[in-house]
Amino acid sequence: MEEITFSVRGEYITLGQLLKVLDLVPTGGQAKMVIQSGEVKVNGEVETRRGRKLRPGDIVEIWNYRIKLVGEGEV
């Protein structure tokens, strides 16, 4: 599993935005389909809401990626 560290700017980023920023999906519509299909876990639990607010400390798993969110400047 590939580990990715992502620095959150501000208080949070939504799940759909995260997938687009990391180029895991090309569009918001694609993000919605992938998330609603149950392919994404947040902190070990399946998440189906693309608007889920992710904050530093959260762990997102999708396909063969494990994404750890950290605060700005914590990398």
PDB file of N, CA and C in Angstrom:
ATOM      1  N   MET A   1       0.840  -1.182   0.000  1.00  0.00           N
ATOM      2  CA  MET A   1       0.000   0.000   0.000  1.00  0.00           C
ATOM      3  C   MET A   1       0.882   1.241   0.000  1.00  0.00           C
ATOM      4  N   GLU A   2       0.605   2.166  -0.900  1.00  0.00           N
ATOM      5  CA  GLU A   2       1.396   3.397  -0.997  1.00  0.00           C
ATOM      6  C   GLU A   2       0.925   4.407   0.038  1.00  0.00           C
ATOM      7  N   GLU A   3       1.876   4.951   0.791  1.00  0.00           N
ATOM      8  CA  GLU A   3       1.577   5.941   1.829  1.00  0.00           C
ATOM      9  C   GLU A   3       1.741   7.353   1.258  1.00  0.00           C
ATOM     10  N   ILE A   4       0.753   8.188   1.505  1.00  0.00           N
ATOM     11  CA  ILE A   4       0.798   9.583   1.073  1.00  0.00           C
ATOM     12  C   ILE A   4       0.518  10.452   2.293  1.00  0.00           C
ATOM     13  N   THR A   5       1.303  11.516   2.470  1.00  0.00           N
ATOM     14  CA  THR A   5       1.038  12.489   3.525  1.00  0.00           C
ATOM     15  C   THR A   5       0.515  13.757   2.850  1.00  0.00           C
ATOM     16  N   PHE A   6      -0.627  14.231   3.312  1.00  0.00           N
ATOM     17  CA  PHE A   6      -1.251  15.415   2.722  1.00  0.00           C
ATOM     18  C   PHE A   6      -1.404  16.483   3.791  1.00  0.00           C
ATOM     19  N   SER A   7      -0.907  17.688   3.486  1.00  0.00           N
ATOM     20  CA  SER A   7      -0.993  18.806   4.413  1.00  0.00           C
ATOM     21  C   SER A   7      -2.296  19.583   4.180  1.00  0.00           C
ATOM     22  N   VAL A   8      -3.128  19.651   5.208  1.00  0.00           N
ATOM     23  CA  VAL A   8      -4.407  20.353   5.129  1.00  0.00           C
ATOM     24  C   VAL A   8      -4.175  21.842   5.366  1.00  0.00           C
ATOM     25  N   ARG A   9      -4.576  22.641   4.401  1.00  0.00           N
ATOM     26  CA  ARG A   9      -4.489  24.101   4.568  1.00  0.00           C
ATOM     27  C   ARG A   9      -5.833  24.577   5.101  1.00  0.00           C
ATOM     28  N   GLY A  10      -5.803  25.258   6.210  1.00  0.00           N
ATOM     29  CA  GLY A  10      -7.053  25.680   6.829  1.00  0.00           C
ATOM     30  C   GLY A  10      -7.541  24.613   7.789  1.00  0.00           C
ATOM     31  N   GLU A  11      -8.834  24.678   8.113  1.00  0.00           N
ATOM     32  CA  GLU A  11      -9.399  23.790   9.125  1.00  0.00           C
ATOM     33  C   GLU A  11      -9.663  22.379   8.605  1.00  0.00           C
ATOM     34  N   TYR A  12     -10.120  22.270   7.339  1.00  0.00           N
ATOM     35  CA  TYR A  12     -10.468  20.960   6.797  1.00  0.00           C
ATOM     36  C   TYR A  12     -10.455  20.977   5.278  1.00  0.00           C
ATOM     37  N   ILE A  13     -10.566  19.774   4.677  1.00  0.00           N
ATOM     38  CA  ILE A  13     -10.774  19.600   3.244  1.00  0.00           C
ATOM     39  C   ILE A  13     -11.841  18.516   3.115  1.00  0.00           C
ATOM     40  N   THR A  14     -12.701  18.629   2.116  1.00  0.00           N
ATOM     41  CA  THR A  14     -13.719  17.593   1.959  1.00  0.00           C
ATOM     42  C   THR A  14     -13.113  16.382   1.253  1.00  0.00           C
ATOM     43  N   LEU A  15     -13.751  15.252   1.449  1.00  0.00           N
ATOM     44  CA  LEU A  15     -13.269  14.014   0.861  1.00  0.00           C
ATOM     45  C   LEU A  15     -13.201  14.104  -0.661  1.00  0.00           C
ATOM     46  N   GLY A  16     -14.230  14.649  -1.278  1.00  0.00           N
ATOM     47  CA  GLY A  16     -14.236  14.801  -2.736  1.00  0.00           C
ATOM     48  C   GLY A  16     -13.104  15.688  -3.220  1.00  0.00           C
ATOM     49  N   GLN A  17     -12.864  16.798  -2.520  1.00  0.00           N
ATOM     50  CA  GLN A  17     -11.773  17.705  -2.887  1.00  0.00           C
ATOM     51  C   GLN A  17     -10.423  17.020  -2.770  1.00  0.00           C
ATOM     52  N   LEU A  18     -10.249  16.230  -1.713  1.00  0.00           N
ATOM     53  CA  LEU A  18      -8.976  15.531  -1.499  1.00  0.00           C
ATOM     54  C   LEU A  18      -8.669  14.599  -2.664  1.00  0.00           C
ATOM     55  N   LEU A  19      -9.659  13.827  -3.090  1.00  0.00           N
ATOM     56  CA  LEU A  19      -9.429  12.886  -4.188  1.00  0.00           C
ATOM     57  C   LEU A  19      -9.067  13.608  -5.476  1.00  0.00           C
ATOM     58  N   LYS A  20      -9.677  14.773  -5.704  1.00  0.00           N
ATOM     59  CA  LYS A  20      -9.355  15.556  -6.908  1.00  0.00           C
ATOM     60  C   LYS A  20      -7.969  16.188  -6.807  1.00  0.00           C
ATOM     61  N   VAL A  21      -7.645  16.767  -5.666  1.00  0.00           N
ATOM     62  CA  VAL A  21      -6.346  17.423  -5.479  1.00  0.00           C
ATOM     63  C   VAL A  21      -5.204  16.429  -5.671  1.00  0.00           C
ATOM     64  N   LEU A  22      -5.399  15.203  -5.231  1.00  0.00           N
ATOM     65  CA  LEU A  22      -4.352  14.182  -5.359  1.00  0.00           C
ATOM     66  C   LEU A  22      -4.381  13.486  -6.716  1.00  0.00           C
ATOM     67  N   ASP A  23      -5.246  13.940  -7.610  1.00  0.00           N
ATOM     68  CA  ASP A  23      -5.388  13.364  -8.959  1.00  0.00           C
ATOM     69  C   ASP A  23      -5.748  11.878  -8.934  1.00  0.00           C
ATOM     70  N   LEU A  24      -6.478  11.457  -7.906  1.00  0.00           N
ATOM     71  CA  LEU A  24      -6.961  10.075  -7.861  1.00  0.00           C
ATOM     72  C   LEU A  24      -8.218   9.926  -8.711  1.00  0.00           C
ATOM     73  N   VAL A  25      -8.939  11.031  -8.891  1.00  0.00           N
ATOM     74  CA  VAL A  25     -10.105  11.080  -9.785  1.00  0.00           C
ATOM     75  C   VAL A  25     -10.016  12.374 -10.585  1.00  0.00           C
ATOM     76  N   PRO A  26     -10.511  12.377 -11.829  1.00  0.00           N
ATOM     77  CA  PRO A  26     -10.398  13.574 -12.666  1.00  0.00           C
ATOM     78  C   PRO A  26     -11.458  14.643 -12.402  1.00  0.00           C
ATOM     79  N   THR A  27     -12.631  14.250 -11.907  1.00  0.00           N
ATOM     80  CA  THR A  27     -13.727  15.221 -11.741  1.00  0.00           C
ATOM     81  C   THR A  27     -14.469  14.981 -10.432  1.00  0.00           C
ATOM     82  N   GLY A  28     -15.266  15.969 -10.050  1.00  0.00           N
ATOM     83  CA  GLY A  28     -16.108  15.836  -8.866  1.00  0.00           C
ATOM     84  C   GLY A  28     -17.139  14.735  -9.036  1.00  0.00           C
ATOM     85  N   GLY A  29     -17.656  14.582 -10.257  1.00  0.00           N
ATOM     86  CA  GLY A  29     -18.627  13.532 -10.532  1.00  0.00           C
ATOM     87  C   GLY A  29     -18.025  12.148 -10.349  1.00  0.00           C
ATOM     88  N   GLN A  30     -16.800  11.999 -10.806  1.00  0.00           N
ATOM     89  CA  GLN A  30     -16.097  10.718 -10.636  1.00  0.00           C
ATOM     90  C   GLN A  30     -15.843  10.461  -9.151  1.00  0.00           C
ATOM     91  N   ALA A  31     -15.470  11.505  -8.410  1.00  0.00           N
ATOM     92  CA  ALA A  31     -15.252  11.363  -6.968  1.00  0.00           C
ATOM     93  C   ALA A  31     -16.529  10.878  -6.295  1.00  0.00           C
ATOM     94  N   LYS A  32     -17.657  11.472  -6.674  1.00  0.00           N
ATOM     95  CA  LYS A  32     -18.943  11.086  -6.093  1.00  0.00           C
ATOM     96  C   LYS A  32     -19.230   9.611  -6.341  1.00  0.00           C
ATOM     97  N   MET A  33     -19.003   9.142  -7.567  1.00  0.00           N
ATOM     98  CA  MET A  33     -19.277   7.738  -7.898  1.00  0.00           C
ATOM     99  C   MET A  33     -18.379   6.790  -7.102  1.00  0.00           C
ATOM    100  N   VAL A  34     -17.095   7.119  -7.011  1.00  0.00           N
ATOM    101  CA  VAL A  34     -16.144   6.260  -6.293  1.00  0.00           C
ATOM    102  C   VAL A  34     -16.501   6.211  -4.803  1.00  0.00           C
ATOM    103  N   ILE A  35     -16.815   7.358  -4.232  1.00  0.00           N
ATOM    104  CA  ILE A  35     -17.131   7.429  -2.801  1.00  0.00           C
ATOM    105  C   ILE A  35     -18.438   6.697  -2.506  1.00  0.00           C
ATOM    106  N   GLN A  36     -19.457   6.937  -3.305  1.00  0.00           N
ATOM    107  CA  GLN A  36     -20.757   6.306  -3.056  1.00  0.00           C
ATOM    108  C   GLN A  36     -20.737   4.800  -3.298  1.00  0.00           C
ATOM    109  N   SER A  37     -19.759   4.318  -4.053  1.00  0.00           N
ATOM    110  CA  SER A  37     -19.666   2.874  -4.307  1.00  0.00           C
ATOM    111  C   SER A  37     -19.045   2.120  -3.119  1.00  0.00           C
ATOM    112  N   GLY A  38     -18.597   2.867  -2.110  1.00  0.00           N
ATOM    113  CA  GLY A  38     -18.047   2.223  -0.914  1.00  0.00           C
ATOM    114  C   GLY A  38     -16.576   1.873  -1.008  1.00  0.00           C
ATOM    115  N   GLU A  39     -15.860   2.478  -1.948  1.00  0.00           N
ATOM    116  CA  GLU A  39     -14.442   2.155  -2.141  1.00  0.00           C
ATOM    117  C   GLU A  39     -13.502   2.953  -1.239  1.00  0.00           C
ATOM    118  N   VAL A  40     -14.047   3.878  -0.442  1.00  0.00           N
ATOM    119  CA  VAL A  40     -13.212   4.760   0.368  1.00  0.00           C
ATOM    120  C   VAL A  40     -13.496   4.533   1.852  1.00  0.00           C
ATOM    121  N   LYS A  41     -12.403   4.439   2.631  1.00  0.00           N
ATOM    122  CA  LYS A  41     -12.535   4.342   4.083  1.00  0.00           C
ATOM    123  C   LYS A  41     -11.896   5.575   4.718  1.00  0.00           C
ATOM    124  N   VAL A  42     -12.533   6.073   5.765  1.00  0.00           N
ATOM    125  CA  VAL A  42     -11.967   7.160   6.562  1.00  0.00           C
ATOM    126  C   VAL A  42     -11.841   6.623   7.983  1.00  0.00           C
ATOM    127  N   ASN A  43     -10.631   6.632   8.495  1.00  0.00           N
ATOM    128  CA  ASN A  43     -10.339   6.114   9.831  1.00  0.00           C
ATOM    129  C   ASN A  43     -10.868   4.687  10.013  1.00  0.00           C
ATOM    130  N   GLY A  44     -10.715   3.874   8.965  1.00  0.00           N
ATOM    131  CA  GLY A  44     -11.067   2.465   9.041  1.00  0.00           C
ATOM    132  C   GLY A  44     -12.519   2.122   8.755  1.00  0.00           C
ATOM    133  N   GLU A  45     -13.372   3.117   8.518  1.00  0.00           N
ATOM    134  CA  GLU A  45     -14.783   2.858   8.258  1.00  0.00           C
ATOM    135  C   GLU A  45     -15.178   3.369   6.875  1.00  0.00           C
ATOM    136  N   VAL A  46     -16.002   2.605   6.169  1.00  0.00           N
ATOM    137  CA  VAL A  46     -16.451   3.015   4.837  1.00  0.00           C
ATOM    138  C   VAL A  46     -17.177   4.352   4.934  1.00  0.00           C
ATOM    139  N   GLU A  47     -16.807   5.275   4.058  1.00  0.00           N
ATOM    140  CA  GLU A  47     -17.422   6.608   4.018  1.00  0.00           C
ATOM    141  C   GLU A  47     -18.069   6.813   2.650  1.00  0.00           C
ATOM    142  N   THR A  48     -19.342   7.203   2.629  1.00  0.00           N
ATOM    143  CA  THR A  48     -20.060   7.389   1.361  1.00  0.00           C
ATOM    144  C   THR A  48     -20.460   8.837   1.118  1.00  0.00           C
ATOM    145  N   ARG A  49     -19.990   9.760   1.953  1.00  0.00           N
ATOM    146  CA  ARG A  49     -20.320  11.182   1.779  1.00  0.00           C
ATOM    147  C   ARG A  49     -19.104  11.929   1.219  1.00  0.00           C
ATOM    148  N   ARG A  50     -19.238  12.484   0.018  1.00  0.00           N
ATOM    149  CA  ARG A  50     -18.084  13.197  -0.548  1.00  0.00           C
ATOM    150  C   ARG A  50     -17.833  14.513   0.171  1.00  0.00           C
ATOM    151  N   GLY A  51     -18.817  15.021   0.886  1.00  0.00           N
ATOM    152  CA  GLY A  51     -18.660  16.266   1.639  1.00  0.00           C
ATOM    153  C   GLY A  51     -18.091  16.067   3.028  1.00  0.00           C
ATOM    154  N   ARG A  52     -17.727  14.837   3.361  1.00  0.00           N
ATOM    155  CA  ARG A  52     -17.148  14.545   4.685  1.00  0.00           C
ATOM    156  C   ARG A  52     -15.944  15.447   4.919  1.00  0.00           C
ATOM    157  N   LYS A  53     -15.954  16.166   6.034  1.00  0.00           N
ATOM    158  CA  LYS A  53     -14.854  17.072   6.357  1.00  0.00           C
ATOM    159  C   LYS A  53     -13.703  16.271   6.966  1.00  0.00           C
ATOM    160  N   LEU A  54     -12.543  16.399   6.349  1.00  0.00           N
ATOM    161  CA  LEU A  54     -11.347  15.705   6.816  1.00  0.00           C
ATOM    162  C   LEU A  54     -10.427  16.711   7.483  1.00  0.00           C
ATOM    163  N   ARG A  55      -9.906  16.315   8.623  1.00  0.00           N
ATOM    164  CA  ARG A  55      -9.031  17.200   9.394  1.00  0.00           C
ATOM    165  C   ARG A  55      -7.703  16.487   9.682  1.00  0.00           C
ATOM    166  N   PRO A  56      -6.688  17.253  10.090  1.00  0.00           N
ATOM    167  CA  PRO A  56      -5.416  16.615  10.436  1.00  0.00           C
ATOM    168  C   PRO A  56      -5.641  15.477  11.434  1.00  0.00           C
ATOM    169  N   GLY A  57      -4.956  14.370  11.184  1.00  0.00           N
ATOM    170  CA  GLY A  57      -5.099  13.187  12.027  1.00  0.00           C
ATOM    171  C   GLY A  57      -5.947  12.105  11.375  1.00  0.00           C
ATOM    172  N   ASP A  58      -6.780  12.479  10.398  1.00  0.00           N
ATOM    173  CA  ASP A  58      -7.611  11.495   9.700  1.00  0.00           C
ATOM    174  C   ASP A  58      -6.756  10.666   8.743  1.00  0.00           C
ATOM    175  N   ILE A  59      -7.194   9.434   8.526  1.00  0.00           N
ATOM    176  CA  ILE A  59      -6.536   8.517   7.589  1.00  0.00           C
ATOM    177  C   ILE A  59      -7.574   8.096   6.554  1.00  0.00           C
ATOM    178  N   VAL A  60      -7.244   8.284   5.269  1.00  0.00           N
ATOM    179  CA  VAL A  60      -8.134   7.901   4.177  1.00  0.00           C
ATOM    180  C   VAL A  60      -7.492   6.749   3.419  1.00  0.00           C
ATOM    181  N   GLU A  61      -8.279   5.715   3.149  1.00  0.00           N
ATOM    182  CA  GLU A  61      -7.793   4.585   2.364  1.00  0.00           C
ATOM    183  C   GLU A  61      -8.669   4.437   1.126  1.00  0.00           C
ATOM    184  N   ILE A  62      -8.026   4.359  -0.031  1.00  0.00           N
ATOM    185  CA  ILE A  62      -8.723   4.148  -1.292  1.00  0.00           C
ATOM    186  C   ILE A  62      -7.804   3.336  -2.191  1.00  0.00           C
ATOM    187  N   TRP A  63      -8.351   2.275  -2.761  1.00  0.00           N
ATOM    188  CA  TRP A  63      -7.590   1.376  -3.624  1.00  0.00           C
ATOM    189  C   TRP A  63      -6.309   0.948  -2.925  1.00  0.00           C
ATOM    190  N   ASN A  64      -5.169   1.311  -3.482  1.00  0.00           N
ATOM    191  CA  ASN A  64      -3.893   0.890  -2.900  1.00  0.00           C
ATOM    192  C   ASN A  64      -3.169   2.069  -2.248  1.00  0.00           C
ATOM    193  N   TYR A  65      -3.941   3.057  -1.776  1.00  0.00           N
ATOM    194  CA  TYR A  65      -3.353   4.251  -1.174  1.00  0.00           C
ATOM    195  C   TYR A  65      -3.835   4.403   0.259  1.00  0.00           C
ATOM    196  N   ARG A  66      -2.922   4.860   1.099  1.00  0.00           N
ATOM    197  CA  ARG A  66      -3.248   5.225   2.478  1.00  0.00           C
ATOM    198  C   ARG A  66      -2.784   6.672   2.638  1.00  0.00           C
ATOM    199  N   ILE A  67      -3.732   7.567   2.872  1.00  0.00           N
ATOM    200  CA  ILE A  67      -3.445   9.002   2.918  1.00  0.00           C
ATOM    201  C   ILE A  67      -3.593   9.508   4.355  1.00  0.00           C
ATOM    202  N   LYS A  68      -2.498  10.026   4.890  1.00  0.00           N
ATOM    203  CA  LYS A  68      -2.507  10.579   6.252  1.00  0.00           C
ATOM    204  C   LYS A  68      -2.583  12.103   6.135  1.00  0.00           C
ATOM    205  N   LEU A  69      -3.569  12.687   6.794  1.00  0.00           N
ATOM    206  CA  LEU A  69      -3.727  14.133   6.778  1.00  0.00           C
ATOM    207  C   LEU A  69      -3.006  14.741   7.972  1.00  0.00           C
ATOM    208  N   VAL A  70      -2.223  15.764   7.702  1.00  0.00           N
ATOM    209  CA  VAL A  70      -1.493  16.472   8.751  1.00  0.00           C
ATOM    210  C   VAL A  70      -1.804  17.955   8.638  1.00  0.00           C
ATOM    211  N   GLY A  71      -1.538  18.686   9.701  1.00  0.00           N
ATOM    212  CA  GLY A  71      -1.737  20.128   9.691  1.00  0.00           C
ATOM    213  C   GLY A  71      -0.672  20.816   8.864  1.00  0.00           C
ATOM    214  N   GLU A  72      -0.973  21.995   8.422  1.00  0.00           N
ATOM    215  CA  GLU A  72      -0.019  22.768   7.627  1.00  0.00           C
ATOM    216  C   GLU A  72       1.262  22.965   8.421  1.00  0.00           C
ATOM    217  N   GLY A  73       2.387  22.645   7.813  1.00  0.00           N
ATOM    218  CA  GLY A  73       3.676  22.801   8.482  1.00  0.00           C
ATOM    219  C   GLY A  73       4.106  21.593   9.297  1.00  0.00           C
ATOM    220  N   GLU A  74       3.291  20.533   9.341  1.00  0.00           N
ATOM    221  CA  GLU A  74       3.632  19.341  10.136  1.00  0.00           C
ATOM    222  C   GLU A  74       4.369  18.272   9.333  1.00  0.00           C
ATOM    223  N   VAL A  75       4.515  18.463   8.028  1.00  0.00           N
ATOM    224  CA  VAL A  75       5.074  17.408   7.178  1.00  0.00           C
ATOM    225  C   VAL A  75       6.459  17.063   7.558  1.00  0.00           C
TER     226      VAL A  75
END
